[in-house]
Amino acid sequence: MNERQQRFAEEYIVDYNGTKAAQRAGYSGKTAYAQASHLLKNTEVRAAIKKNLAELRERTFITADRVILEIAKMAFTNISDIISWDADGNVTIALPEKLTAEQRSAISEMSKFTVSIPTKDGSITKTSLKLKMHSKGDALEKLARHLDLLKPNNLVGDITITVKHEQLPGDAPGAVTAASLTGAPAGPTTDPSTAPTEPTDGNPA
């Protein structure tokens, strides 16, 4: 394997884009797509890519177990563990020190904003907090796919995973959502965010 092929194997695991990896490795932009397709069929290059990926995982301590456990935190944390609300719509968010590491991992965003409310004497300023959770549905789907629970048409026997979003009382629209499992049928879905673990053909730039 020559120097440019070795460089391609190193660049490919940066973004899994064969065309861009070929360009960064020194191949012509006009032929990068064809070169990537050819290189990814080369057994020595494929072996080098797998070796580089294994070394990357070892250096960063990223394992399949760690990734799955992190996704599980998002999938199985309940909103009621983090916030509470009463019949009048008053929402209370738990202090960070009262939350477990798993519960904190399920939080995507926490922000503060102010709203000016007109009154007959002028206006008053109200400060509110916004809490956004990682998508429970996306996390559940990724876990189900990893565990091979989703068959054709997303069916597992007679059970289908779907997500129902509910608006919480007194909160801003879309600020917090809840997810649940139902038996309603759902169509096939894809997960474009999943990075390939095996070398694939080059993609056009």
C-alpha atoms as a PDB file:
ATOM      1  CA  MET A   1       0.000   0.000   0.000  1.00  0.00           C
ATOM      2  CA  ASN A   2       1.490   3.327  -1.068  1.00  0.00           C
ATOM      3  CA  GLU A   3       1.592   6.593   0.885  1.00  0.00           C
ATOM      4  CA  ARG A   4      -1.549   8.110  -0.678  1.00  0.00           C
ATOM      5  CA  GLN A   5      -3.548   4.952  -0.029  1.00  0.00           C
ATOM      6  CA  GLN A   6      -2.430   5.016   3.597  1.00  0.00           C
ATOM      7  CA  ARG A   7      -3.411   8.690   3.837  1.00  0.00           C
ATOM      8  CA  PHE A   8      -6.817   7.878   2.367  1.00  0.00           C
ATOM      9  CA  ALA A   9      -7.347   5.193   5.028  1.00  0.00           C
ATOM     10  CA  GLU A  10      -6.553   7.785   7.696  1.00  0.00           C
ATOM     11  CA  GLU A  11      -8.767  10.494   6.200  1.00  0.00           C
ATOM     12  CA  TYR A  12     -11.734   8.197   5.567  1.00  0.00           C
ATOM     13  CA  ILE A  13     -12.549   7.739   9.266  1.00  0.00           C
ATOM     14  CA  VAL A  14     -12.786  11.526   9.731  1.00  0.00           C
ATOM     15  CA  ASP A  15     -16.199  11.815   8.071  1.00  0.00           C
ATOM     16  CA  TYR A  16     -16.753   8.519   6.191  1.00  0.00           C
ATOM     17  CA  ASN A  17     -16.950  10.421   2.903  1.00  0.00           C
ATOM     18  CA  GLY A  18     -14.852   8.627   0.326  1.00  0.00           C
ATOM     19  CA  THR A  19     -14.709  11.474  -2.182  1.00  0.00           C
ATOM     20  CA  LYS A  20     -13.555  14.064   0.349  1.00  0.00           C
ATOM     21  CA  ALA A  21     -11.100  11.622   1.887  1.00  0.00           C
ATOM     22  CA  ALA A  22      -9.572  11.005  -1.550  1.00  0.00           C
ATOM     23  CA  GLN A  23      -9.210  14.743  -2.139  1.00  0.00           C
ATOM     24  CA  ARG A  24      -7.549  15.264   1.248  1.00  0.00           C
ATOM     25  CA  ALA A  25      -5.237  12.344   0.485  1.00  0.00           C
ATOM     26  CA  GLY A  26      -3.989  14.139  -2.633  1.00  0.00           C
ATOM     27  CA  TYR A  27      -6.097  12.684  -5.430  1.00  0.00           C
ATOM     28  CA  SER A  28      -7.495  14.984  -8.097  1.00  0.00           C
ATOM     29  CA  GLY A  29     -10.917  16.472  -7.405  1.00  0.00           C
ATOM     30  CA  LYS A  30     -12.059  15.384 -10.872  1.00  0.00           C
ATOM     31  CA  THR A  31     -11.277  11.718 -10.191  1.00  0.00           C
ATOM     32  CA  ALA A  32     -11.781  11.640  -6.394  1.00  0.00           C
ATOM     33  CA  TYR A  33     -15.143   9.843  -6.538  1.00  0.00           C
ATOM     34  CA  ALA A  34     -13.850   7.114  -8.858  1.00  0.00           C
ATOM     35  CA  GLN A  35     -10.631   6.787  -6.863  1.00  0.00           C
ATOM     36  CA  ALA A  36     -12.587   6.437  -3.611  1.00  0.00           C
ATOM     37  CA  SER A  37     -14.783   3.706  -5.069  1.00  0.00           C
ATOM     38  CA  HIS A  38     -11.678   1.856  -6.255  1.00  0.00           C
ATOM     39  CA  LEU A  39      -9.795   2.312  -2.965  1.00  0.00           C
ATOM     40  CA  LEU A  40     -12.695   1.081  -0.840  1.00  0.00           C
ATOM     41  CA  LYS A  41     -12.656  -2.182  -2.783  1.00  0.00           C
ATOM     42  CA  ASN A  42      -8.951  -2.657  -2.103  1.00  0.00           C
ATOM     43  CA  THR A  43      -8.533  -5.265   0.641  1.00  0.00           C
ATOM     44  CA  GLU A  44      -5.382  -3.637   2.036  1.00  0.00           C
ATOM     45  CA  VAL A  45      -7.063  -0.230   2.249  1.00  0.00           C
ATOM     46  CA  ARG A  46     -10.155  -1.701   3.898  1.00  0.00           C
ATOM     47  CA  ALA A  47      -7.976  -3.484   6.441  1.00  0.00           C
ATOM     48  CA  ALA A  48      -6.111  -0.224   7.164  1.00  0.00           C
ATOM     49  CA  ILE A  49      -9.418   1.626   7.670  1.00  0.00           C
ATOM     50  CA  LYS A  50     -10.601  -0.981  10.161  1.00  0.00           C
ATOM     51  CA  LYS A  51      -7.247  -0.830  11.969  1.00  0.00           C
ATOM     52  CA  ASN A  52      -7.356   2.982  12.147  1.00  0.00           C
ATOM     53  CA  LEU A  53     -10.918   2.914  13.446  1.00  0.00           C
ATOM     54  CA  ALA A  54     -10.035   0.378  16.143  1.00  0.00           C
ATOM     55  CA  GLU A  55      -7.076   2.529  17.235  1.00  0.00           C
ATOM     56  CA  LEU A  56      -9.302   5.624  17.336  1.00  0.00           C
ATOM     57  CA  ARG A  57     -11.793   3.868  19.577  1.00  0.00           C
ATOM     58  CA  GLU A  58      -9.007   2.721  21.861  1.00  0.00           C
ATOM     59  CA  ARG A  59      -7.489   6.212  22.126  1.00  0.00           C
ATOM     60  CA  THR A  60     -10.806   7.880  22.879  1.00  0.00           C
ATOM     61  CA  PHE A  61     -12.133   5.061  25.082  1.00  0.00           C
ATOM     62  CA  ILE A  62     -15.274   4.976  22.937  1.00  0.00           C
ATOM     63  CA  THR A  63     -16.837   1.529  22.978  1.00  0.00           C
ATOM     64  CA  ALA A  64     -20.185   0.201  21.816  1.00  0.00           C
ATOM     65  CA  ASP A  65     -21.158  -0.322  25.454  1.00  0.00           C
ATOM     66  CA  ARG A  66     -20.477   3.318  26.347  1.00  0.00           C
ATOM     67  CA  VAL A  67     -22.458   4.609  23.380  1.00  0.00           C
ATOM     68  CA  ILE A  68     -25.436   2.341  24.074  1.00  0.00           C
ATOM     69  CA  LEU A  69     -25.454   3.232  27.784  1.00  0.00           C
ATOM     70  CA  GLU A  70     -25.472   6.944  26.925  1.00  0.00           C
ATOM     71  CA  ILE A  71     -28.381   6.496  24.510  1.00  0.00           C
ATOM     72  CA  ALA A  72     -30.205   4.464  27.169  1.00  0.00           C
ATOM     73  CA  LYS A  73     -30.000   7.412  29.575  1.00  0.00           C
ATOM     74  CA  MET A  74     -31.883   9.539  27.054  1.00  0.00           C
ATOM     75  CA  ALA A  75     -34.378   6.787  26.296  1.00  0.00           C
ATOM     76  CA  PHE A  76     -35.371   5.834  29.837  1.00  0.00           C
ATOM     77  CA  THR A  77     -35.175   9.077  31.808  1.00  0.00           C
ATOM     78  CA  ASN A  78     -38.672  10.313  32.676  1.00  0.00           C
ATOM     79  CA  ILE A  79     -39.534  13.994  32.529  1.00  0.00           C
ATOM     80  CA  SER A  80     -41.244  13.689  35.894  1.00  0.00           C
ATOM     81  CA  ASP A  81     -37.824  12.879  37.397  1.00  0.00           C
ATOM     82  CA  ILE A  82     -36.639  16.351  36.428  1.00  0.00           C
ATOM     83  CA  ILE A  83     -39.689  18.623  36.615  1.00  0.00           C
ATOM     84  CA  SER A  84     -42.977  18.717  38.468  1.00  0.00           C
ATOM     85  CA  TRP A  85     -46.152  20.714  37.899  1.00  0.00           C
ATOM     86  CA  ASP A  86     -49.400  21.378  39.688  1.00  0.00           C
ATOM     87  CA  ALA A  87     -53.021  21.791  38.635  1.00  0.00           C
ATOM     88  CA  ASP A  88     -52.519  25.530  38.115  1.00  0.00           C
ATOM     89  CA  GLY A  89     -49.750  24.925  35.587  1.00  0.00           C
ATOM     90  CA  ASN A  90     -46.896  25.999  37.834  1.00  0.00           C
ATOM     91  CA  VAL A  91     -43.762  24.156  36.738  1.00  0.00           C
ATOM     92  CA  THR A  92     -40.803  23.447  39.033  1.00  0.00           C
ATOM     93  CA  ILE A  93     -37.441  22.256  37.702  1.00  0.00           C
ATOM     94  CA  ALA A  94     -35.223  20.258  40.034  1.00  0.00           C
ATOM     95  CA  LEU A  95     -31.883  21.772  40.983  1.00  0.00           C
ATOM     96  CA  PRO A  96     -28.910  20.215  39.136  1.00  0.00           C
ATOM     97  CA  GLU A  97     -27.430  18.825  42.351  1.00  0.00           C
ATOM     98  CA  LYS A  98     -30.675  16.949  42.960  1.00  0.00           C
ATOM     99  CA  LEU A  99     -30.409  15.122  39.646  1.00  0.00           C
ATOM    100  CA  THR A 100     -28.426  11.973  38.944  1.00  0.00           C
ATOM    101  CA  ALA A 101     -25.767  11.884  36.227  1.00  0.00           C
ATOM    102  CA  GLU A 102     -28.141   9.799  34.093  1.00  0.00           C
ATOM    103  CA  GLN A 103     -30.929  12.370  34.424  1.00  0.00           C
ATOM    104  CA  ARG A 104     -28.598  15.257  33.571  1.00  0.00           C
ATOM    105  CA  SER A 105     -27.438  13.380  30.473  1.00  0.00           C
ATOM    106  CA  ALA A 106     -31.022  13.348  29.177  1.00  0.00           C
ATOM    107  CA  ILE A 107     -31.189  17.161  29.171  1.00  0.00           C
ATOM    108  CA  SER A 108     -30.413  18.761  25.816  1.00  0.00           C
ATOM    109  CA  GLU A 109     -30.777  22.427  26.742  1.00  0.00           C
ATOM    110  CA  MET A 110     -31.373  24.632  29.756  1.00  0.00           C
ATOM    111  CA  SER A 111     -31.767  28.354  29.139  1.00  0.00           C
ATOM    112  CA  LYS A 112     -33.167  31.442  30.819  1.00  0.00           C
ATOM    113  CA  PHE A 113     -35.199  34.159  29.128  1.00  0.00           C
ATOM    114  CA  THR A 114     -37.101  37.248  30.187  1.00  0.00           C
ATOM    115  CA  VAL A 115     -40.508  38.465  29.056  1.00  0.00           C
ATOM    116  CA  SER A 116     -41.878  41.984  29.477  1.00  0.00           C
ATOM    117  CA  ILE A 117     -45.577  41.924  30.414  1.00  0.00           C
ATOM    118  CA  PRO A 118     -47.548  45.169  29.911  1.00  0.00           C
ATOM    119  CA  THR A 119     -49.601  46.398  32.899  1.00  0.00           C
ATOM    120  CA  LYS A 120     -51.773  49.435  33.503  1.00  0.00           C
ATOM    121  CA  ASP A 121     -48.879  51.012  35.414  1.00  0.00           C
ATOM    122  CA  GLY A 122     -46.266  50.193  32.796  1.00  0.00           C
ATOM    123  CA  SER A 123     -44.794  46.687  32.584  1.00  0.00           C
ATOM    124  CA  ILE A 124     -43.259  43.958  34.647  1.00  0.00           C
ATOM    125  CA  THR A 125     -40.409  41.662  33.689  1.00  0.00           C
ATOM    126  CA  LYS A 126     -40.780  37.936  34.226  1.00  0.00           C
ATOM    127  CA  THR A 127     -37.847  35.537  34.098  1.00  0.00           C
ATOM    128  CA  SER A 128     -38.481  31.968  32.975  1.00  0.00           C
ATOM    129  CA  LEU A 129     -36.447  28.834  32.374  1.00  0.00           C
ATOM    130  CA  LYS A 130     -36.632  26.627  29.299  1.00  0.00           C
ATOM    131  CA  LEU A 131     -35.835  22.940  29.562  1.00  0.00           C
ATOM    132  CA  LYS A 132     -35.437  20.755  26.508  1.00  0.00           C
ATOM    133  CA  MET A 133     -34.882  17.001  26.618  1.00  0.00           C
ATOM    134  CA  HIS A 134     -33.065  14.838  24.097  1.00  0.00           C
ATOM    135  CA  SER A 135     -35.556  13.062  21.848  1.00  0.00           C
ATOM    136  CA  LYS A 136     -36.815   9.996  23.696  1.00  0.00           C
ATOM    137  CA  GLY A 137     -38.240   8.577  20.489  1.00  0.00           C
ATOM    138  CA  ASP A 138     -34.954   8.853  18.585  1.00  0.00           C
ATOM    139  CA  ALA A 139     -33.070   7.229  21.456  1.00  0.00           C
ATOM    140  CA  LEU A 140     -35.560   4.359  21.673  1.00  0.00           C
ATOM    141  CA  GLU A 141     -35.373   3.782  17.935  1.00  0.00           C
ATOM    142  CA  LYS A 142     -31.573   3.688  17.959  1.00  0.00           C
ATOM    143  CA  LEU A 143     -31.590   1.179  20.807  1.00  0.00           C
ATOM    144  CA  ALA A 144     -34.193  -0.953  19.053  1.00  0.00           C
ATOM    145  CA  ARG A 145     -32.195  -0.951  15.828  1.00  0.00           C
ATOM    146  CA  HIS A 146     -28.959  -1.828  17.633  1.00  0.00           C
ATOM    147  CA  LEU A 147     -30.680  -4.732  19.378  1.00  0.00           C
ATOM    148  CA  ASP A 148     -32.312  -5.820  16.100  1.00  0.00           C
ATOM    149  CA  LEU A 149     -35.810  -5.333  17.505  1.00  0.00           C
ATOM    150  CA  LEU A 150     -37.120  -3.544  14.419  1.00  0.00           C
ATOM    151  CA  LYS A 151     -38.115  -5.927  11.660  1.00  0.00           C
ATOM    152  CA  PRO A 152     -39.506  -5.005   8.213  1.00  0.00           C
ATOM    153  CA  ASN A 153     -42.143  -2.286   8.573  1.00  0.00           C
ATOM    154  CA  ASN A 154     -40.785  -1.650  12.084  1.00  0.00           C
ATOM    155  CA  LEU A 155     -42.860  -4.515  13.500  1.00  0.00           C
ATOM    156  CA  VAL A 156     -41.799  -6.789  16.355  1.00  0.00           C
ATOM    157  CA  GLY A 157     -44.527  -9.396  16.451  1.00  0.00           C
ATOM    158  CA  ASP A 158     -47.659  -7.324  17.027  1.00  0.00           C
ATOM    159  CA  ILE A 159     -45.862  -4.404  18.710  1.00  0.00           C
ATOM    160  CA  THR A 160     -44.804  -1.190  17.017  1.00  0.00           C
ATOM    161  CA  ILE A 161     -42.722   1.562  18.552  1.00  0.00           C
ATOM    162  CA  THR A 162     -44.264   4.999  18.037  1.00  0.00           C
ATOM    163  CA  VAL A 163     -43.814   8.272  19.851  1.00  0.00           C
ATOM    164  CA  LYS A 164     -46.544  10.494  21.258  1.00  0.00           C
ATOM    165  CA  HIS A 165     -45.586  14.030  22.198  1.00  0.00           C
ATOM    166  CA  GLU A 166     -47.557  15.830  24.897  1.00  0.00           C
ATOM    167  CA  GLN A 167     -47.441  19.528  25.829  1.00  0.00           C
ATOM    168  CA  LEU A 168     -46.756  20.090  29.495  1.00  0.00           C
ATOM    169  CA  PRO A 169     -49.043  22.480  31.425  1.00  0.00           C
ATOM    170  CA  GLY A 170     -47.736  26.013  31.730  1.00  0.00           C
ATOM    171  CA  ASP A 171     -44.670  25.521  29.557  1.00  0.00           C
ATOM    172  CA  ALA A 172     -43.676  27.223  26.340  1.00  0.00           C
ATOM    173  CA  PRO A 173     -44.842  25.425  23.164  1.00  0.00           C
ATOM    174  CA  GLY A 174     -42.396  22.706  22.203  1.00  0.00           C
ATOM    175  CA  ALA A 175     -40.128  23.345  25.185  1.00  0.00           C
ATOM    176  CA  VAL A 176     -40.594  19.925  26.748  1.00  0.00           C
ATOM    177  CA  THR A 177     -42.052  16.776  25.246  1.00  0.00           C
ATOM    178  CA  ALA A 178     -42.937  13.381  26.605  1.00  0.00           C
ATOM    179  CA  ALA A 179     -42.787  10.068  24.778  1.00  0.00           C
ATOM    180  CA  SER A 180     -44.663   6.820  25.195  1.00  0.00           C
ATOM    181  CA  LEU A 181     -44.969   3.409  23.574  1.00  0.00           C
ATOM    182  CA  THR A 182     -48.174   2.447  21.809  1.00  0.00           C
ATOM    183  CA  GLY A 183     -49.347  -0.349  19.570  1.00  0.00           C
ATOM    184  CA  ALA A 184     -50.168   1.855  16.591  1.00  0.00           C
ATOM    185  CA  PRO A 185     -48.548   0.742  13.307  1.00  0.00           C
ATOM    186  CA  ALA A 186     -45.792   2.824  11.840  1.00  0.00           C
ATOM    187  CA  GLY A 187     -44.136   2.854   8.432  1.00  0.00           C
ATOM    188  CA  PRO A 188     -40.480   2.083   7.693  1.00  0.00           C
ATOM    189  CA  THR A 189     -37.982   4.659   8.902  1.00  0.00           C
ATOM    190  CA  THR A 190     -34.297   5.257   8.358  1.00  0.00           C
ATOM    191  CA  ASP A 191     -31.625   6.689  10.602  1.00  0.00           C
ATOM    192  CA  PRO A 192     -29.405   8.959   8.468  1.00  0.00           C
ATOM    193  CA  SER A 193     -27.410  10.015  11.530  1.00  0.00           C
ATOM    194  CA  THR A 194     -25.886   6.551  12.029  1.00  0.00           C
ATOM    195  CA  ALA A 195     -22.230   6.589  10.935  1.00  0.00           C
ATOM    196  CA  PRO A 196     -21.099   3.470   9.038  1.00  0.00           C
ATOM    197  CA  THR A 197     -18.858   1.085  10.890  1.00  0.00           C
ATOM    198  CA  GLU A 198     -17.790  -0.669   7.703  1.00  0.00           C
ATOM    199  CA  PRO A 199     -16.106   1.077   4.740  1.00  0.00           C
ATOM    200  CA  THR A 200     -18.629   1.923   2.024  1.00  0.00           C
ATOM    201  CA  ASP A 201     -18.380   3.226  -1.510  1.00  0.00           C
ATOM    202  CA  GLY A 202     -17.304   6.835  -1.921  1.00  0.00           C
ATOM    203  CA  ASN A 203     -19.958   9.534  -1.923  1.00  0.00           C
ATOM    204  CA  PRO A 204     -20.058  12.426  -4.347  1.00  0.00           C
ATOM    205  CA  ALA A 205     -18.770  15.623  -2.793  1.00  0.00           C
END
